[in-house]
C-alpha atoms as a PDB file:
ATOM      1  CA  MET A   1      76.684  67.161  83.457  1.00  0.00           C
ATOM      2  CA  LYS A   2      80.125  67.597  85.126  1.00  0.00           C
ATOM      3  CA  LEU A   3      80.874  68.727  88.915  1.00  0.00           C
ATOM      4  CA  GLY A   4      83.464  71.272  89.875  1.00  0.00           C
ATOM      5  CA  PHE A   5      83.394  73.769  92.526  1.00  0.00           C
ATOM      6  CA  LEU A   6      84.066  77.593  92.966  1.00  0.00           C
ATOM      7  CA  THR A   7      87.675  78.423  93.901  1.00  0.00           C
ATOM      8  CA  ALA A   8      87.147  81.045  95.788  1.00  0.00           C
ATOM      9  CA  CYS A   9      86.872  79.331  98.889  1.00  0.00           C
ATOM     10  CA  LEU A  10      90.521  78.415  99.074  1.00  0.00           C
ATOM     11  CA  PRO A  11      91.836  82.557  98.587  1.00  0.00           C
ATOM     12  CA  ASP A  12      95.030  81.330  99.463  1.00  0.00           C
ATOM     13  CA  ARG A  13      96.188  78.480  97.011  1.00  0.00           C
ATOM     14  CA  SER A  14      97.408  78.862  93.670  1.00  0.00           C
ATOM     15  CA  LEU A  15      95.258  78.362  90.646  1.00  0.00           C
ATOM     16  CA  ALA A  16      98.134  75.524  89.706  1.00  0.00           C
ATOM     17  CA  GLU A  17      97.635  74.008  93.288  1.00  0.00           C
ATOM     18  CA  ILE A  18      93.829  73.470  93.572  1.00  0.00           C
ATOM     19  CA  ALA A  19      93.444  72.263  90.421  1.00  0.00           C
ATOM     20  CA  GLU A  20      95.913  69.446  91.847  1.00  0.00           C
ATOM     21  CA  TRP A  21      94.082  68.882  94.339  1.00  0.00           C
ATOM     22  CA  ALA A  22      90.597  68.784  92.047  1.00  0.00           C
ATOM     23  CA  GLY A  23      92.060  66.434  89.824  1.00  0.00           C
ATOM     24  CA  LEU A  24      93.205  64.258  92.252  1.00  0.00           C
ATOM     25  CA  HIS A  25      89.448  64.142  94.085  1.00  0.00           C
ATOM     26  CA  ASP A  26      87.591  63.630  91.570  1.00  0.00           C
ATOM     27  CA  TYR A  27      86.289  67.153  90.478  1.00  0.00           C
ATOM     28  CA  GLU A  28      86.079  67.689  86.436  1.00  0.00           C
ATOM     29  CA  ALA A  29      85.759  71.040  86.313  1.00  0.00           C
ATOM     30  CA  LEU A  30      86.652  74.499  88.244  1.00  0.00           C
ATOM     31  CA  GLU A  31      84.620  77.764  88.723  1.00  0.00           C
ATOM     32  CA  VAL A  32      87.790  80.355  88.560  1.00  0.00           C
ATOM     33  CA  ALA A  33      87.280  83.466  91.188  1.00  0.00           C
ATOM     34  CA  ALA A  34      88.336  86.198  89.171  1.00  0.00           C
ATOM     35  CA  TRP A  35      87.712  89.062  91.728  1.00  0.00           C
ATOM     36  CA  PRO A  36      90.623  92.012  91.772  1.00  0.00           C
ATOM     37  CA  ASP A  37      92.531  91.806  94.830  1.00  0.00           C
ATOM     38  CA  LEU A  38      90.057  92.876  97.462  1.00  0.00           C
ATOM     39  CA  GLY A  39      92.242  91.822 100.675  1.00  0.00           C
ATOM     40  CA  ALA A  40      90.394  90.155 103.204  1.00  0.00           C
ATOM     41  CA  ARG A  41      86.880  90.433 101.858  1.00  0.00           C
ATOM     42  CA  PRO A  42      85.730  87.250 102.599  1.00  0.00           C
ATOM     43  CA  PHE A  43      84.338  84.951  99.849  1.00  0.00           C
ATOM     44  CA  THR A  44      86.399  86.526  97.517  1.00  0.00           C
ATOM     45  CA  ALA A  45      90.019  85.409  95.534  1.00  0.00           C
ATOM     46  CA  THR A  46      92.016  86.343  92.521  1.00  0.00           C
ATOM     47  CA  HIS A  47      92.889  83.100  91.220  1.00  0.00           C
ATOM     48  CA  LEU A  48      92.908  84.210  87.376  1.00  0.00           C
ATOM     49  CA  ASP A  49      94.246  88.395  87.067  1.00  0.00           C
ATOM     50  CA  VAL A  50      92.000  89.575  84.078  1.00  0.00           C
ATOM     51  CA  ALA A  51      93.744  92.882  84.010  1.00  0.00           C
ATOM     52  CA  GLY A  52      96.035  92.512  81.003  1.00  0.00           C
ATOM     53  CA  PHE A  53      95.082  88.955  80.488  1.00  0.00           C
ATOM     54  CA  GLY A  54      96.391  87.532  77.082  1.00  0.00           C
ATOM     55  CA  SER A  55      96.447  84.846  75.010  1.00  0.00           C
ATOM     56  CA  GLY A  56     100.053  83.339  76.535  1.00  0.00           C
ATOM     57  CA  HIS A  57      97.947  83.479  79.939  1.00  0.00           C
ATOM     58  CA  ALA A  58      95.295  81.635  78.409  1.00  0.00           C
ATOM     59  CA  ASP A  59      97.590  78.753  76.940  1.00  0.00           C
ATOM     60  CA  GLU A  60      99.296  78.495  80.166  1.00  0.00           C
ATOM     61  CA  THR A  61      95.696  78.361  82.356  1.00  0.00           C
ATOM     62  CA  ARG A  62      94.631  75.725  79.545  1.00  0.00           C
ATOM     63  CA  ALA A  63      97.297  73.641  79.935  1.00  0.00           C
ATOM     64  CA  LEU A  64      97.355  73.734  83.828  1.00  0.00           C
ATOM     65  CA  VAL A  65      93.754  72.473  83.438  1.00  0.00           C
ATOM     66  CA  ASP A  66      94.222  69.828  80.778  1.00  0.00           C
ATOM     67  CA  LYS A  67      96.944  68.568  82.802  1.00  0.00           C
ATOM     68  CA  ASN A  68      94.801  67.673  85.958  1.00  0.00           C
ATOM     69  CA  GLY A  69      91.768  66.242  83.582  1.00  0.00           C
ATOM     70  CA  LEU A  70      89.847  69.711  84.013  1.00  0.00           C
ATOM     71  CA  THR A  71      87.955  72.213  82.370  1.00  0.00           C
ATOM     72  CA  VAL A  72      87.201  75.636  83.273  1.00  0.00           C
ATOM     73  CA  SER A  73      83.462  75.983  83.520  1.00  0.00           C
ATOM     74  CA  SER A  74      83.158  79.708  84.309  1.00  0.00           C
ATOM     75  CA  LEU A  75      84.915  82.928  85.498  1.00  0.00           C
ATOM     76  CA  ALA A  76      83.516  84.376  89.033  1.00  0.00           C
ATOM     77  CA  TYR A  77      82.977  88.095  89.508  1.00  0.00           C
ATOM     78  CA  TYR A  78      79.880  88.392  91.661  1.00  0.00           C
ATOM     79  CA  ASP A  79      79.914  91.649  92.618  1.00  0.00           C
ATOM     80  CA  ASN A  80      77.066  95.062  92.590  1.00  0.00           C
ATOM     81  CA  ASN A  81      76.992  96.142  88.955  1.00  0.00           C
ATOM     82  CA  LEU A  82      74.593  98.757  90.285  1.00  0.00           C
ATOM     83  CA  HIS A  83      76.781 100.397  92.759  1.00  0.00           C
ATOM     84  CA  PRO A  84      75.323 103.453  94.509  1.00  0.00           C
ATOM     85  CA  ASP A  85      78.690 104.942  94.167  1.00  0.00           C
ATOM     86  CA  PRO A  86      79.418 105.789  90.246  1.00  0.00           C
ATOM     87  CA  THR A  87      82.998 105.672  90.644  1.00  0.00           C
ATOM     88  CA  GLU A  88      82.639 102.122  92.122  1.00  0.00           C
ATOM     89  CA  ARG A  89      79.677 100.569  89.721  1.00  0.00           C
ATOM     90  CA  ALA A  90      81.939 101.845  86.918  1.00  0.00           C
ATOM     91  CA  ALA A  91      85.029  99.608  87.906  1.00  0.00           C
ATOM     92  CA  VAL A  92      82.522  96.673  88.647  1.00  0.00           C
ATOM     93  CA  ASN A  93      81.019  97.150  85.177  1.00  0.00           C
ATOM     94  CA  SER A  94      84.541  97.438  83.706  1.00  0.00           C
ATOM     95  CA  HIS A  95      86.032  94.246  85.527  1.00  0.00           C
ATOM     96  CA  VAL A  96      83.159  92.645  84.317  1.00  0.00           C
ATOM     97  CA  ALA A  97      83.993  93.490  80.717  1.00  0.00           C
ATOM     98  CA  ALA A  98      87.310  92.520  81.361  1.00  0.00           C
ATOM     99  CA  CYS A  99      86.134  89.231  82.837  1.00  0.00           C
ATOM    100  CA  ILE A 100      84.258  88.521  79.357  1.00  0.00           C
ATOM    101  CA  ASP A 101      87.614  88.829  77.514  1.00  0.00           C
ATOM    102  CA  ALA A 102      89.314  86.794  79.599  1.00  0.00           C
ATOM    103  CA  ALA A 103      87.073  84.022  79.482  1.00  0.00           C
ATOM    104  CA  ALA A 104      86.648  84.238  75.526  1.00  0.00           C
ATOM    105  CA  LEU A 105      90.239  84.259  75.302  1.00  0.00           C
ATOM    106  CA  LEU A 106      90.352  80.959  77.557  1.00  0.00           C
ATOM    107  CA  GLY A 107      87.251  79.373  75.562  1.00  0.00           C
ATOM    108  CA  CYS A 108      85.561  79.577  78.899  1.00  0.00           C
ATOM    109  CA  PRO A 109      82.098  79.600  78.040  1.00  0.00           C
ATOM    110  CA  CYS A 110      80.473  81.932  81.237  1.00  0.00           C
ATOM    111  CA  VAL A 111      81.201  85.053  83.285  1.00  0.00           C
ATOM    112  CA  GLY A 112      79.422  84.978  86.471  1.00  0.00           C
ATOM    113  CA  THR A 113      78.424  87.822  88.182  1.00  0.00           C
ATOM    114  CA  PHE A 114      75.132  89.688  90.279  1.00  0.00           C
ATOM    115  CA  VAL A 115      72.622  92.043  88.632  1.00  0.00           C
ATOM    116  CA  GLY A 116      73.449  94.095  92.625  1.00  0.00           C
ATOM    117  CA  ARG A 117      70.900  96.986  93.763  1.00  0.00           C
ATOM    118  CA  HIS A 118      71.358 100.531  94.753  1.00  0.00           C
ATOM    119  CA  PRO A 119      69.767 100.357  97.968  1.00  0.00           C
ATOM    120  CA  GLY A 120      68.344 103.976  97.894  1.00  0.00           C
ATOM    121  CA  ARG A 121      66.313 103.396  94.783  1.00  0.00           C
ATOM    122  CA  THR A 122      63.367 101.743  94.237  1.00  0.00           C
ATOM    123  CA  VAL A 123      63.092  97.956  93.031  1.00  0.00           C
ATOM    124  CA  ALA A 124      61.528  99.527  89.316  1.00  0.00           C
ATOM    125  CA  GLU A 125      64.545 101.955  89.050  1.00  0.00           C
ATOM    126  CA  ASN A 126      66.956  99.473  89.524  1.00  0.00           C
ATOM    127  CA  LEU A 127      65.996  97.290  87.117  1.00  0.00           C
ATOM    128  CA  ARG A 128      65.169 100.453  84.540  1.00  0.00           C
ATOM    129  CA  ASP A 129      69.263 101.120  85.575  1.00  0.00           C
ATOM    130  CA  ALA A 130      70.340  97.500  85.178  1.00  0.00           C
ATOM    131  CA  GLU A 131      68.572  97.167  81.363  1.00  0.00           C
ATOM    132  CA  THR A 132      70.983 100.352  80.445  1.00  0.00           C
ATOM    133  CA  VAL A 133      74.218  99.210  82.502  1.00  0.00           C
ATOM    134  CA  PHE A 134      74.055  95.651  81.152  1.00  0.00           C
ATOM    135  CA  ALA A 135      73.234  96.164  77.605  1.00  0.00           C
ATOM    136  CA  PRO A 136      76.984  96.695  76.382  1.00  0.00           C
ATOM    137  CA  LEU A 137      78.066  93.936  78.727  1.00  0.00           C
ATOM    138  CA  VAL A 138      75.421  91.530  76.749  1.00  0.00           C
ATOM    139  CA  ASP A 139      76.897  92.735  73.508  1.00  0.00           C
ATOM    140  CA  ARG A 140      80.050  92.592  74.398  1.00  0.00           C
ATOM    141  CA  ALA A 141      79.638  89.000  75.850  1.00  0.00           C
ATOM    142  CA  GLY A 142      77.905  87.798  72.851  1.00  0.00           C
ATOM    143  CA  GLU A 143      79.952  89.121  70.388  1.00  0.00           C
ATOM    144  CA  ARG A 144      83.076  86.819  71.955  1.00  0.00           C
ATOM    145  CA  GLY A 145      80.892  83.634  72.402  1.00  0.00           C
ATOM    146  CA  VAL A 146      80.366  83.779  76.027  1.00  0.00           C
ATOM    147  CA  LYS A 147      77.318  83.884  78.254  1.00  0.00           C
ATOM    148  CA  LEU A 148      76.905  86.130  81.289  1.00  0.00           C
ATOM    149  CA  VAL A 149      75.158  84.192  84.124  1.00  0.00           C
ATOM    150  CA  ILE A 150      73.581  85.924  86.711  1.00  0.00           C
ATOM    151  CA  GLU A 151      73.356  83.900  90.358  1.00  0.00           C
ATOM    152  CA  ASN A 152      70.142  84.635  91.998  1.00  0.00           C
ATOM    153  CA  CYS A 153      72.095  84.778  95.761  1.00  0.00           C
ATOM    154  CA  VAL A 154      69.743  87.660  97.407  1.00  0.00           C
ATOM    155  CA  MET A 155      72.654  89.694  98.789  1.00  0.00           C
ATOM    156  CA  GLU A 156      70.324  90.704 101.765  1.00  0.00           C
ATOM    157  CA  GLY A 157      73.959  92.231 103.843  1.00  0.00           C
ATOM    158  CA  TRP A 158      74.078  94.811 100.764  1.00  0.00           C
ATOM    159  CA  HIS A 159      70.790  96.055 101.884  1.00  0.00           C
ATOM    160  CA  PRO A 160      71.033  98.540 105.051  1.00  0.00           C
ATOM    161  CA  ASP A 161      67.837  96.660 106.459  1.00  0.00           C
ATOM    162  CA  GLY A 162      68.464  93.183 105.114  1.00  0.00           C
ATOM    163  CA  TYR A 163      66.120  92.937 102.053  1.00  0.00           C
ATOM    164  CA  PRO A 164      67.382  91.853  98.950  1.00  0.00           C
ATOM    165  CA  GLY A 165      70.323  93.286  97.757  1.00  0.00           C
ATOM    166  CA  ASN A 166      70.614  91.216  94.152  1.00  0.00           C
ATOM    167  CA  LEU A 167      67.584  91.782  91.769  1.00  0.00           C
ATOM    168  CA  ALA A 168      68.245  88.161  90.709  1.00  0.00           C
ATOM    169  CA  TYR A 169      66.178  86.402  93.638  1.00  0.00           C
ATOM    170  CA  SER A 170      63.108  84.911  92.265  1.00  0.00           C
ATOM    171  CA  PRO A 171      61.585  83.183  88.824  1.00  0.00           C
ATOM    172  CA  GLU A 172      59.764  87.129  88.111  1.00  0.00           C
ATOM    173  CA  LEU A 173      63.572  88.708  88.041  1.00  0.00           C
ATOM    174  CA  TRP A 174      64.790  85.784  86.043  1.00  0.00           C
ATOM    175  CA  GLU A 175      62.419  86.502  83.032  1.00  0.00           C
ATOM    176  CA  TRP A 176      63.385  90.257  83.312  1.00  0.00           C
ATOM    177  CA  MET A 177      67.073  88.944  83.227  1.00  0.00           C
ATOM    178  CA  PHE A 178      66.248  86.987  79.928  1.00  0.00           C
ATOM    179  CA  SER A 179      64.368  89.334  78.500  1.00  0.00           C
ATOM    180  CA  LEU A 180      68.333  91.269  78.386  1.00  0.00           C
ATOM    181  CA  GLY A 181      70.264  88.113  77.068  1.00  0.00           C
ATOM    182  CA  LEU A 182      71.443  87.351  80.654  1.00  0.00           C
ATOM    183  CA  TYR A 183      71.203  83.525  81.677  1.00  0.00           C
ATOM    184  CA  LEU A 184      70.723  82.512  85.059  1.00  0.00           C
ATOM    185  CA  ASN A 185      73.481  80.899  86.960  1.00  0.00           C
ATOM    186  CA  TYR A 186      71.115  78.658  88.951  1.00  0.00           C
ATOM    187  CA  ASP A 187      71.914  78.137  93.226  1.00  0.00           C
ATOM    188  CA  PRO A 188      68.783  76.478  94.825  1.00  0.00           C
ATOM    189  CA  SER A 189      70.178  77.470  98.693  1.00  0.00           C
ATOM    190  CA  HIS A 190      68.751  80.879  98.428  1.00  0.00           C
ATOM    191  CA  LEU A 191      65.493  79.747  96.914  1.00  0.00           C
ATOM    192  CA  VAL A 192      64.568  77.724 100.118  1.00  0.00           C
ATOM    193  CA  TRP A 193      64.982  80.218 102.267  1.00  0.00           C
ATOM    194  CA  MET A 194      62.938  82.811 100.293  1.00  0.00           C
ATOM    195  CA  GLY A 195      60.484  80.117 100.703  1.00  0.00           C
ATOM    196  CA  ILE A 196      60.328  79.280  96.825  1.00  0.00           C
ATOM    197  CA  ASP A 197      60.731  75.336  96.447  1.00  0.00           C
ATOM    198  CA  PRO A 198      64.019  75.386  94.003  1.00  0.00           C
ATOM    199  CA  VAL A 199      62.993  72.217  92.121  1.00  0.00           C
ATOM    200  CA  GLU A 200      59.482  73.413  90.954  1.00  0.00           C
ATOM    201  CA  ALA A 201      60.571  76.971  90.600  1.00  0.00           C
ATOM    202  CA  LEU A 202      63.766  75.471  88.178  1.00  0.00           C
ATOM    203  CA  ARG A 203      61.689  73.228  86.356  1.00  0.00           C
ATOM    204  CA  PRO A 204      60.434  75.994  83.253  1.00  0.00           C
ATOM    205  CA  TYR A 205      64.189  77.683  82.905  1.00  0.00           C
ATOM    206  CA  VAL A 206      66.693  75.056  82.474  1.00  0.00           C
ATOM    207  CA  ASP A 207      66.473  76.222  78.900  1.00  0.00           C
ATOM    208  CA  ARG A 208      68.538  79.422  80.236  1.00  0.00           C
ATOM    209  CA  ILE A 209      71.057  77.615  82.949  1.00  0.00           C
ATOM    210  CA  PRO A 210      74.421  77.154  81.059  1.00  0.00           C
ATOM    211  CA  HIS A 211      75.751  76.961  84.618  1.00  0.00           C
ATOM    212  CA  ALA A 212      74.487  75.982  88.357  1.00  0.00           C
ATOM    213  CA  GLN A 213      75.711  76.164  91.204  1.00  0.00           C
ATOM    214  CA  ALA A 214      75.689  73.779  94.705  1.00  0.00           C
ATOM    215  CA  LYS A 215      75.442  75.298  97.949  1.00  0.00           C
ATOM    216  CA  ASP A 216      72.991  73.969 100.454  1.00  0.00           C
ATOM    217  CA  VAL A 217      71.076  75.838 103.448  1.00  0.00           C
ATOM    218  CA  GLN A 218      70.068  75.205 106.821  1.00  0.00           C
ATOM    219  CA  LEU A 219      67.087  76.717 108.628  1.00  0.00           C
ATOM    220  CA  PHE A 220      66.069  76.981 112.168  1.00  0.00           C
ATOM    221  CA  PRO A 221      62.347  77.647 112.185  1.00  0.00           C
ATOM    222  CA  ALA A 222      61.798  78.544 115.691  1.00  0.00           C
ATOM    223  CA  GLN A 223      64.654  81.827 115.242  1.00  0.00           C
ATOM    224  CA  ARG A 224      62.635  82.739 112.276  1.00  0.00           C
ATOM    225  CA  ASN A 225      59.405  83.146 114.780  1.00  0.00           C
ATOM    226  CA  ARG A 226      61.593  85.107 116.949  1.00  0.00           C
ATOM    227  CA  TYR A 227      63.125  87.834 114.175  1.00  0.00           C
ATOM    228  CA  GLY A 228      60.868  87.207 111.132  1.00  0.00           C
ATOM    229  CA  TRP A 229      61.816  86.752 107.440  1.00  0.00           C
ATOM    230  CA  PRO A 230      64.229  89.552 107.382  1.00  0.00           C
ATOM    231  CA  GLY A 231      66.460  88.307 110.179  1.00  0.00           C
ATOM    232  CA  ARG A 232      67.895  90.439 113.151  1.00  0.00           C
ATOM    233  CA  ALA A 233      67.132  93.616 113.265  1.00  0.00           C
ATOM    234  CA  VAL A 234      67.764  95.406 116.770  1.00  0.00           C
ATOM    235  CA  VAL A 235      71.186  93.961 117.021  1.00  0.00           C
ATOM    236  CA  ARG A 236      73.091  92.722 113.510  1.00  0.00           C
ATOM    237  CA  GLU A 237      76.589  93.527 114.053  1.00  0.00           C
ATOM    238  CA  ASP A 238      77.302  91.534 110.859  1.00  0.00           C
ATOM    239  CA  PRO A 239      74.993  92.172 108.067  1.00  0.00           C
ATOM    240  CA  TRP A 240      75.036  88.485 106.726  1.00  0.00           C
ATOM    241  CA  ASP A 241      74.020  87.143 109.950  1.00  0.00           C
ATOM    242  CA  VAL A 242      70.241  86.600 110.034  1.00  0.00           C
ATOM    243  CA  GLY A 243      69.864  84.636 113.013  1.00  0.00           C
ATOM    244  CA  TRP A 244      67.712  81.672 111.204  1.00  0.00           C
ATOM    245  CA  TRP A 245      69.572  80.510 108.382  1.00  0.00           C
ATOM    246  CA  ARG A 246      73.072  79.196 107.670  1.00  0.00           C
ATOM    247  CA  TYR A 247      74.751  78.022 104.071  1.00  0.00           C
ATOM    248  CA  ARG A 248      75.890  74.277 104.364  1.00  0.00           C
ATOM    249  CA  VAL A 249      77.858  72.190 102.154  1.00  0.00           C
ATOM    250  CA  PRO A 250      75.635  69.921  99.832  1.00  0.00           C
ATOM    251  CA  GLY A 251      74.335  67.005 101.776  1.00  0.00           C
ATOM    252  CA  LEU A 252      74.018  68.523 105.283  1.00  0.00           C
ATOM    253  CA  GLY A 253      71.142  71.052 104.649  1.00  0.00           C
ATOM    254  CA  GLN A 254      67.603  70.833 103.330  1.00  0.00           C
ATOM    255  CA  VAL A 255      67.850  71.101  99.559  1.00  0.00           C
ATOM    256  CA  ASP A 256      66.815  68.446  97.705  1.00  0.00           C
ATOM    257  CA  TRP A 257      69.457  67.135  95.977  1.00  0.00           C
ATOM    258  CA  ARG A 258      67.832  64.105  94.103  1.00  0.00           C
ATOM    259  CA  GLY A 259      64.863  66.571  92.582  1.00  0.00           C
ATOM    260  CA  VAL A 260      67.443  69.268  91.595  1.00  0.00           C
ATOM    261  CA  VAL A 261      69.565  66.744  89.518  1.00  0.00           C
ATOM    262  CA  ASP A 262      66.813  65.195  88.241  1.00  0.00           C
ATOM    263  CA  ALA A 263      65.228  68.684  87.073  1.00  0.00           C
ATOM    264  CA  LEU A 264      68.335  69.581  85.771  1.00  0.00           C
ATOM    265  CA  TYR A 265      68.843  66.486  83.704  1.00  0.00           C
ATOM    266  CA  GLU A 266      65.203  66.030  82.787  1.00  0.00           C
ATOM    267  CA  GLY A 267      65.376  69.629  80.994  1.00  0.00           C
ATOM    268  CA  GLY A 268      68.451  68.963  79.215  1.00  0.00           C
ATOM    269  CA  PHE A 269      71.269  70.476  81.481  1.00  0.00           C
ATOM    270  CA  ASP A 270      74.606  69.619  80.284  1.00  0.00           C
ATOM    271  CA  GLY A 271      76.696  71.963  82.076  1.00  0.00           C
ATOM    272  CA  VAL A 272      78.727  72.019  85.330  1.00  0.00           C
ATOM    273  CA  LEU A 273      77.355  71.931  89.063  1.00  0.00           C
ATOM    274  CA  SER A 274      79.868  73.751  90.836  1.00  0.00           C
ATOM    275  CA  VAL A 275      79.858  73.248  94.671  1.00  0.00           C
ATOM    276  CA  GLU A 276      79.952  77.124  96.536  1.00  0.00           C
ATOM    277  CA  HIS A 277      81.425  76.355  99.437  1.00  0.00           C
ATOM    278  CA  GLU A 278      80.339  78.745 102.355  1.00  0.00           C
ATOM    279  CA  ASP A 279      79.603  76.200 105.138  1.00  0.00           C
ATOM    280  CA  PRO A 280      80.523  78.327 108.693  1.00  0.00           C
ATOM    281  CA  VAL A 281      80.822  74.732 110.132  1.00  0.00           C
ATOM    282  CA  TRP A 282      83.290  73.088 107.967  1.00  0.00           C
ATOM    283  CA  GLY A 283      85.288  76.411 107.377  1.00  0.00           C
ATOM    284  CA  GLY A 284      87.683  78.808 109.285  1.00  0.00           C
ATOM    285  CA  THR A 285      90.554  76.368 108.070  1.00  0.00           C
ATOM    286  CA  GLU A 286      92.016  74.906 104.828  1.00  0.00           C
ATOM    287  CA  GLU A 287      91.818  71.516 106.142  1.00  0.00           C
ATOM    288  CA  LYS A 288      88.072  71.644 106.855  1.00  0.00           C
ATOM    289  CA  VAL A 289      87.034  73.415 103.322  1.00  0.00           C
ATOM    290  CA  ARG A 290      88.561  70.454 101.874  1.00  0.00           C
ATOM    291  CA  THR A 291      86.812  68.182 104.259  1.00  0.00           C
ATOM    292  CA  GLY A 292      83.671  70.155 103.389  1.00  0.00           C
ATOM    293  CA  LEU A 293      84.247  70.067  99.271  1.00  0.00           C
ATOM    294  CA  GLU A 294      84.811  65.837 100.246  1.00  0.00           C
ATOM    295  CA  ILE A 295      81.298  65.898 101.833  1.00  0.00           C
ATOM    296  CA  ALA A 296      79.701  67.864  99.014  1.00  0.00           C
ATOM    297  CA  HIS A 297      81.609  65.121  96.324  1.00  0.00           C
ATOM    298  CA  ARG A 298      80.254  62.213  98.200  1.00  0.00           C
ATOM    299  CA  THR A 299      76.515  64.074  98.209  1.00  0.00           C
ATOM    300  CA  LEU A 300      76.285  64.647  94.468  1.00  0.00           C
ATOM    301  CA  ARG A 301      78.740  62.615  92.736  1.00  0.00           C
ATOM    302  CA  PRO A 302      75.988  59.143  93.184  1.00  0.00           C
ATOM    303  CA  LEU A 303      73.651  61.951  91.300  1.00  0.00           C
ATOM    304  CA  ILE A 304      75.837  62.473  88.124  1.00  0.00           C
ATOM    305  CA  VAL A 305      76.041  60.223  85.422  1.00  0.00           C
ATOM    306  CA  ALA A 306      79.583  59.259  84.394  1.00  0.00           C
END
């Protein structure tokens, strides 16, 4: 197992700058942000431009990460593959395909994305749509030796009422994903606030997890007693502000990291555990983000066998 981080937390830095910092701070891998340029959209970045990505770009990227003692664990493009607007949906699907092609040129084993959801359709209707949408993407990935991994983020901010906007949030849905040839990019933080034990949920599925993310979560039960599980309803100006939990870097929340890492090892996981930094306390400035990555490193490094 190696320790890495998702580069989207440093959107204003180049991949070269991030790789140098990561190597100097004892990280071993990068989950490289590969969104198209979306402007100021939070938690996204374009550290690899997959449009027109060719063998020369791949050679340069490999040389860059090799120089800093790193590997590229996955290309990251987490967006709504079931977007309700047909044009937007097609653009998202097409960009996933471009990420797959770029990953193959790099020798990168994974591409990470979301299933997503059309909020105006039932879960059953969405799942039927997804079976059609993902079939050619799974085939494309398989032909190129790449695994398409789906993060189990709930994406509640994509639904007008705060319900799951990414249909990958539970083991029931993981099993459905696996039947399509998709894999899981396991993140325990989402399970905790959903009321699912992240260690017990993990154990049966380690063989379908080629990549994992490390994000923590802090719960505020007194606020949950006020809002209920879906979160703020009457006044919710920010669709992501549920009011009773928030993400933290590993070690500052309630995830049992000893249990998670132990279950990964016991199940034979030998991939990358990638820190996904979305901590509002250790965010807002680049200095704070880097400190957050250092806190995560201090939490996780002792648990990972050198």
